[in-house]
Each structure stands twice: as C-alpha cells, then as structure tokens.
Amino acid sequence: MNEKQNFDKLFSLELERIERSPDFPEQKPRLLLHACCGPCSSAVLERLTDFFDISIFYYNPNIHPAAEYERRLEELGFFLEKRYGSPDKKSRPSLIRADYIPDDFFSAVNTKEFPERAFEAEQGERCSFCYRLRMEKAALYAIKNGFDYFTTTLSISPHKDASKINAIGLALENELNAPLRYLYADFKKRNGYKRSLEISAEYGLYRQDYCGCIYSKQNTEKRRGQKNP
C-alpha cells in the first residue's frame, strides 16, 4: 500500500457511496468497530453513527493489568450510556466484550524470541503485531455475525501509525475472502484527536497515560522517572 495514501479521503468517499445507496438511511450497513477505550471511541462514533448500525467490539488482551482492562471497559460503557442512553435504545451502539486472554497478546508479539520488541517505542514491530491480533479477531467476529464492514478506533491516536493500521485492514479483507469490507480511516484527521479530548472533558472520562500493554506501561514509567529523578 502507498504510504502516502489519503485514508481520510477514502473514508469520506466510502461514506458518500453509502449515502447514494437506495436503501439509505432506512437501512444502514452494519459496522463492527474495534475499540480500545471510551476516549478513543468518542469522536470516532461521532463521525460514524449517522452512516452505520454500529456494534463496538472490545477485544484488547494487550491491556495490563486486568484492573486497567476492566476500568477502560467500564468507562466505555459509562460513555455509551451517558451519550446514547440505555442499552435498549435503538440508536445506541451495542457493546460486545470479547474474552480477555493476555496470552493471546504475548504470543502475538513474541518478546521471548525477540526480546528487543519489549523496549520499542510505539509504532514499532510489537505494535504492528498487536494491531493485527486485535483487528483480525474483530474481522473474524464480523464475518461470523454478518457485518458489512469492520474498522478500528486505533488511528485516532497521534501515536499510532495509520498507514500500518490501514494496510493490516486491507490485508485482512483480502486474506479472509468474505463479504466483509474494511473501512479505511485516519480518525485523527479533521481534529479527531482534539475532538476526543473535548468529549472526554465534557463527560469526565478517564484518560490513560499509556497505550495499554505492560511494555508501554514500563516504558512510560521509565520516561517519567528520567524526567523526575
């Protein structure tokens, strides 16, 4: 994939195509949105809800420790209730909690065989394997449950590589050979990240200070210690 591809433009073109459908808006396509937390979901949902029937897929075995995993999940549920109403409200995105199996993450990043990955900054090989793990799980769930599209909130972070994320999404669409489309996006564009900060402040959402895994936590704590000896 061309690294200079404009994913935000591709996203907009796909929304325009959906709007031209004779069944829209009475029948919106079903989208499975992989999400890592409430703050990242907030601005993404704002851009998507007019075009899709959305289910949020919370699959994040990378998050450490388990208490942090639960806190981010609870915060996501809190945001959905405050923003969209009770779970039985038709316009509210549904929330699907996948199994929390940290060994899935450790197998995917394989720091035993490649110990250098434990010390990489964000956007390194470790992160690419983590993106792939979570997006593939989402895609397989989407296929099994008859979704039309899948995508992820990950690209809203300024610390995430949208080119890698979208390349993985396209690869999965091609490899799985199913009637499922990957929705290209770079959600940080059009002030997406800034908007997530605004919504988080509006609802008082907890915003974590590390990506999620034990390695990002350790690296963050190390940098903090270097700044405050």
Protein backbone atom coordinates (compact mmCIF):
# COMPACT_ATOMS: atom_id res chain seq x y z
CA MET A 1 0.00 0.00 0.00
CA ASN A 2 1.18 3.50 -0.82
CA GLU A 3 2.33 5.13 2.43
CA LYS A 4 1.06 8.50 1.16
CA GLN A 5 -2.49 7.24 0.67
CA ASN A 6 -5.08 9.69 1.98
CA PHE A 7 -7.13 7.44 4.23
CA ASP A 8 -9.40 10.24 5.38
CA LYS A 9 -10.34 10.91 1.76
CA LEU A 10 -11.02 7.22 1.17
CA PHE A 11 -13.18 7.23 4.29
CA SER A 12 -15.19 10.21 3.02
CA LEU A 13 -15.64 8.65 -0.42
CA GLU A 14 -17.00 5.47 1.16
CA LEU A 15 -19.49 7.45 3.23
CA GLU A 16 -20.62 9.23 0.06
CA ARG A 17 -21.09 5.86 -1.64
CA ILE A 18 -23.18 4.63 1.29
CA GLU A 19 -25.34 7.75 1.17
CA ARG A 20 -26.12 7.07 -2.50
CA SER A 21 -27.49 3.63 -1.69
CA PRO A 22 -31.25 3.41 -2.43
CA ASP A 23 -31.81 1.77 0.97
CA PHE A 24 -30.07 4.51 2.96
CA PRO A 25 -30.80 5.81 5.57
CA GLU A 26 -33.68 3.44 6.37
CA GLN A 27 -31.26 0.53 6.18
CA LYS A 28 -27.73 1.37 7.27
CA PRO A 29 -24.83 -1.04 6.74
CA ARG A 30 -23.66 -2.90 9.84
CA LEU A 31 -20.23 -1.91 11.13
CA LEU A 32 -18.14 -3.72 13.74
CA LEU A 33 -15.91 -1.13 15.37
CA HIS A 34 -12.94 -2.46 17.30
CA ALA A 35 -12.40 -0.09 20.23
CA CYS A 36 -9.69 0.19 22.86
CA CYS A 37 -11.33 2.65 25.28
CA GLY A 38 -14.02 5.28 25.78
CA PRO A 39 -11.99 8.40 24.88
CA CYS A 40 -10.81 6.95 21.57
CA SER A 41 -14.33 5.75 20.75
CA SER A 42 -15.97 9.10 21.48
CA ALA A 43 -15.01 11.18 18.44
CA VAL A 44 -14.96 8.12 16.18
CA LEU A 45 -18.58 7.31 17.00
CA GLU A 46 -19.50 10.92 16.36
CA ARG A 47 -18.30 10.53 12.77
CA LEU A 48 -19.85 7.11 12.19
CA THR A 49 -23.28 6.93 13.81
CA ASP A 50 -25.15 8.73 11.01
CA PHE A 51 -23.96 6.19 8.44
CA PHE A 52 -23.81 2.81 10.18
CA ASP A 53 -25.58 0.45 12.51
CA ILE A 54 -22.64 0.09 14.91
CA SER A 55 -21.54 -2.59 17.31
CA ILE A 56 -18.41 -1.95 19.36
CA PHE A 57 -16.02 -4.86 19.77
CA TYR A 58 -13.89 -4.62 22.90
CA TYR A 59 -11.06 -7.08 22.36
CA ASN A 60 -7.85 -5.90 24.00
CA PRO A 61 -5.78 -8.71 25.55
CA ASN A 62 -2.79 -6.38 25.44
CA ILE A 63 -4.10 -4.20 28.26
CA HIS A 64 -2.22 -4.62 31.54
CA PRO A 65 -3.05 -5.14 34.31
CA ALA A 66 -6.50 -6.74 34.42
CA ALA A 67 -7.81 -3.90 36.59
CA GLU A 68 -6.85 -1.43 33.85
CA TYR A 69 -8.63 -3.56 31.27
CA GLU A 70 -11.80 -3.53 33.36
CA ARG A 71 -11.56 0.19 34.04
CA ARG A 72 -11.33 1.05 30.35
CA LEU A 73 -14.24 -1.25 29.57
CA GLU A 74 -16.38 0.28 32.33
CA GLU A 75 -15.51 3.78 31.13
CA LEU A 76 -16.58 2.86 27.61
CA GLY A 77 -19.90 1.56 28.93
CA PHE A 78 -20.34 4.70 31.02
CA PHE A 79 -19.75 6.92 27.98
CA LEU A 80 -22.22 4.98 25.83
CA GLU A 81 -24.93 5.28 28.46
CA LYS A 82 -24.37 8.99 29.04
CA ARG A 83 -24.08 9.86 25.34
CA TYR A 84 -26.57 7.47 23.75
CA GLY A 85 -28.95 6.35 26.50
CA SER A 86 -29.92 2.96 27.91
CA PRO A 87 -28.85 -0.31 26.20
CA ASP A 88 -32.35 -0.91 24.83
CA LYS A 89 -32.33 2.38 22.91
CA LYS A 90 -32.18 1.61 19.20
CA SER A 91 -29.73 4.40 18.34
CA ARG A 92 -27.17 3.31 20.94
CA PRO A 93 -24.21 1.29 19.63
CA SER A 94 -24.11 -2.15 21.19
CA LEU A 95 -21.05 -3.22 23.19
CA ILE A 96 -19.54 -6.65 22.71
CA ARG A 97 -16.98 -7.82 25.23
CA ALA A 98 -14.59 -10.45 23.89
CA ASP A 99 -12.66 -12.81 26.14
CA TYR A 100 -9.71 -11.30 27.99
CA ILE A 101 -6.80 -13.69 27.37
CA PRO A 102 -3.45 -11.90 27.84
CA ASP A 103 -1.58 -14.90 26.47
CA ASP A 104 -3.06 -14.06 23.06
CA PHE A 105 -1.12 -10.81 23.15
CA PHE A 106 2.13 -12.30 24.42
CA SER A 107 2.03 -14.98 21.73
CA ALA A 108 1.40 -12.40 19.04
CA VAL A 109 4.24 -10.04 19.99
CA ASN A 110 6.60 -12.91 20.89
CA THR A 111 9.03 -11.00 23.09
CA LYS A 112 10.51 -14.30 24.31
CA GLU A 113 12.07 -14.94 20.92
CA PHE A 114 12.53 -11.26 20.09
CA PRO A 115 13.27 -9.55 23.45
CA GLU A 116 14.17 -6.27 21.77
CA ARG A 117 10.49 -5.73 21.00
CA ALA A 118 9.80 -5.16 24.69
CA PHE A 119 11.79 -1.91 24.57
CA GLU A 120 10.45 -0.49 21.32
CA ALA A 121 8.68 2.86 21.26
CA GLU A 122 5.16 2.96 19.90
CA GLN A 123 4.79 2.23 16.17
CA GLY A 124 7.44 -0.50 16.24
CA GLU A 125 7.11 -4.17 15.32
CA ARG A 126 5.48 -5.05 18.62
CA CYS A 127 2.66 -2.61 17.96
CA SER A 128 2.12 -3.90 14.43
CA PHE A 129 1.64 -7.44 15.69
CA CYS A 130 -0.73 -6.14 18.36
CA TYR A 131 -2.78 -4.19 15.80
CA ARG A 132 -3.01 -7.30 13.63
CA LEU A 133 -4.11 -9.53 16.50
CA ARG A 134 -6.98 -7.28 17.54
CA MET A 135 -8.13 -6.35 14.06
CA GLU A 136 -8.10 -9.97 12.88
CA LYS A 137 -10.20 -11.02 15.87
CA ALA A 138 -12.66 -8.25 15.02
CA ALA A 139 -12.79 -9.22 11.36
CA LEU A 140 -13.45 -12.87 12.14
CA TYR A 141 -16.23 -11.92 14.54
CA ALA A 142 -17.69 -9.59 11.90
CA ILE A 143 -17.73 -12.35 9.28
CA LYS A 144 -19.30 -14.87 11.65
CA ASN A 145 -22.04 -12.43 12.62
CA GLY A 146 -22.94 -10.96 9.25
CA PHE A 147 -21.46 -7.47 9.43
CA ASP A 148 -20.87 -5.46 6.28
CA TYR A 149 -17.80 -3.52 7.47
CA PHE A 150 -15.14 -3.55 10.15
CA THR A 151 -12.66 -0.94 11.31
CA THR A 152 -10.86 0.22 14.45
CA THR A 153 -10.58 3.35 16.60
CA LEU A 154 -6.79 2.95 16.82
CA SER A 155 -5.95 5.54 14.17
CA ILE A 156 -7.36 8.39 16.28
CA SER A 157 -4.22 8.35 18.41
CA PRO A 158 -1.37 10.62 17.27
CA HIS A 159 0.96 7.85 18.49
CA LYS A 160 -0.48 5.25 16.08
CA ASP A 161 0.65 4.71 12.50
CA ALA A 162 -2.45 4.98 10.30
CA SER A 163 -0.59 3.55 7.30
CA LYS A 164 0.20 0.33 9.16
CA ILE A 165 -3.31 0.08 10.59
CA ASN A 166 -4.97 0.51 7.20
CA ALA A 167 -2.54 -1.86 5.49
CA ILE A 168 -3.49 -4.53 8.03
CA GLY A 169 -7.18 -3.86 7.46
CA LEU A 170 -6.86 -4.23 3.70
CA ALA A 171 -4.73 -7.36 4.06
CA LEU A 172 -7.35 -8.95 6.30
CA GLU A 173 -10.14 -8.08 3.87
CA ASN A 174 -8.21 -9.79 1.07
CA GLU A 175 -7.00 -12.78 3.07
CA LEU A 176 -10.32 -13.67 4.64
CA ASN A 177 -12.10 -13.59 1.28
CA ALA A 178 -15.54 -12.93 2.74
CA PRO A 179 -18.36 -10.43 2.08
CA LEU A 180 -16.82 -8.01 4.57
CA ARG A 181 -15.25 -4.66 3.76
CA TYR A 182 -12.60 -2.84 5.70
CA LEU A 183 -13.45 0.83 6.29
CA TYR A 184 -10.35 2.92 5.66
CA ALA A 185 -9.90 5.73 8.15
CA ASP A 186 -7.43 8.04 9.82
CA PHE A 187 -9.61 9.28 12.63
CA LYS A 188 -7.01 11.73 13.97
CA LYS A 189 -7.61 13.85 10.86
CA ARG A 190 -10.07 16.76 10.89
CA ASN A 191 -9.10 17.42 14.51
CA GLY A 192 -10.34 13.98 15.51
CA TYR A 193 -7.91 13.61 18.39
CA LYS A 194 -8.67 17.13 19.60
CA ARG A 195 -12.37 16.36 19.47
CA SER A 196 -11.81 13.22 21.57
CA LEU A 197 -10.15 15.41 24.21
CA GLU A 198 -13.12 17.77 24.18
CA ILE A 199 -15.67 14.97 24.55
CA SER A 200 -13.60 13.31 27.28
CA ALA A 201 -13.57 16.57 29.22
CA GLU A 202 -17.31 17.03 28.69
CA TYR A 203 -18.11 13.61 30.17
CA GLY A 204 -15.25 13.44 32.64
CA LEU A 205 -13.79 10.34 31.02
CA TYR A 206 -10.73 8.61 32.41
CA ARG A 207 -7.81 9.00 30.01
CA GLN A 208 -4.97 6.55 30.47
CA ASP A 209 -1.35 7.73 30.21
CA TYR A 210 0.00 4.68 28.38
CA CYS A 211 -1.17 2.69 25.38
CA GLY A 212 -2.11 -0.44 27.28
CA CYS A 213 0.42 -3.25 27.34
CA ILE A 214 2.93 -3.99 30.08
CA TYR A 215 5.77 -2.84 27.84
CA SER A 216 4.21 0.54 27.07
CA LYS A 217 3.47 0.95 30.78
CA GLN A 218 7.07 0.17 31.74
CA ASN A 219 8.45 2.46 29.05
CA THR A 220 6.14 5.30 30.14
CA GLU A 221 7.16 4.89 33.76
CA LYS A 222 10.82 4.86 32.73
CA ARG A 223 10.46 8.11 30.78
CA ARG A 224 8.60 9.68 33.69
CA GLY A 225 11.40 8.67 36.04
CA GLN A 226 14.01 10.19 33.76
CA LYS A 227 12.13 13.50 33.75
CA ASN A 228 11.63 13.46 37.54
CA PRO A 229 14.78 11.88 39.06
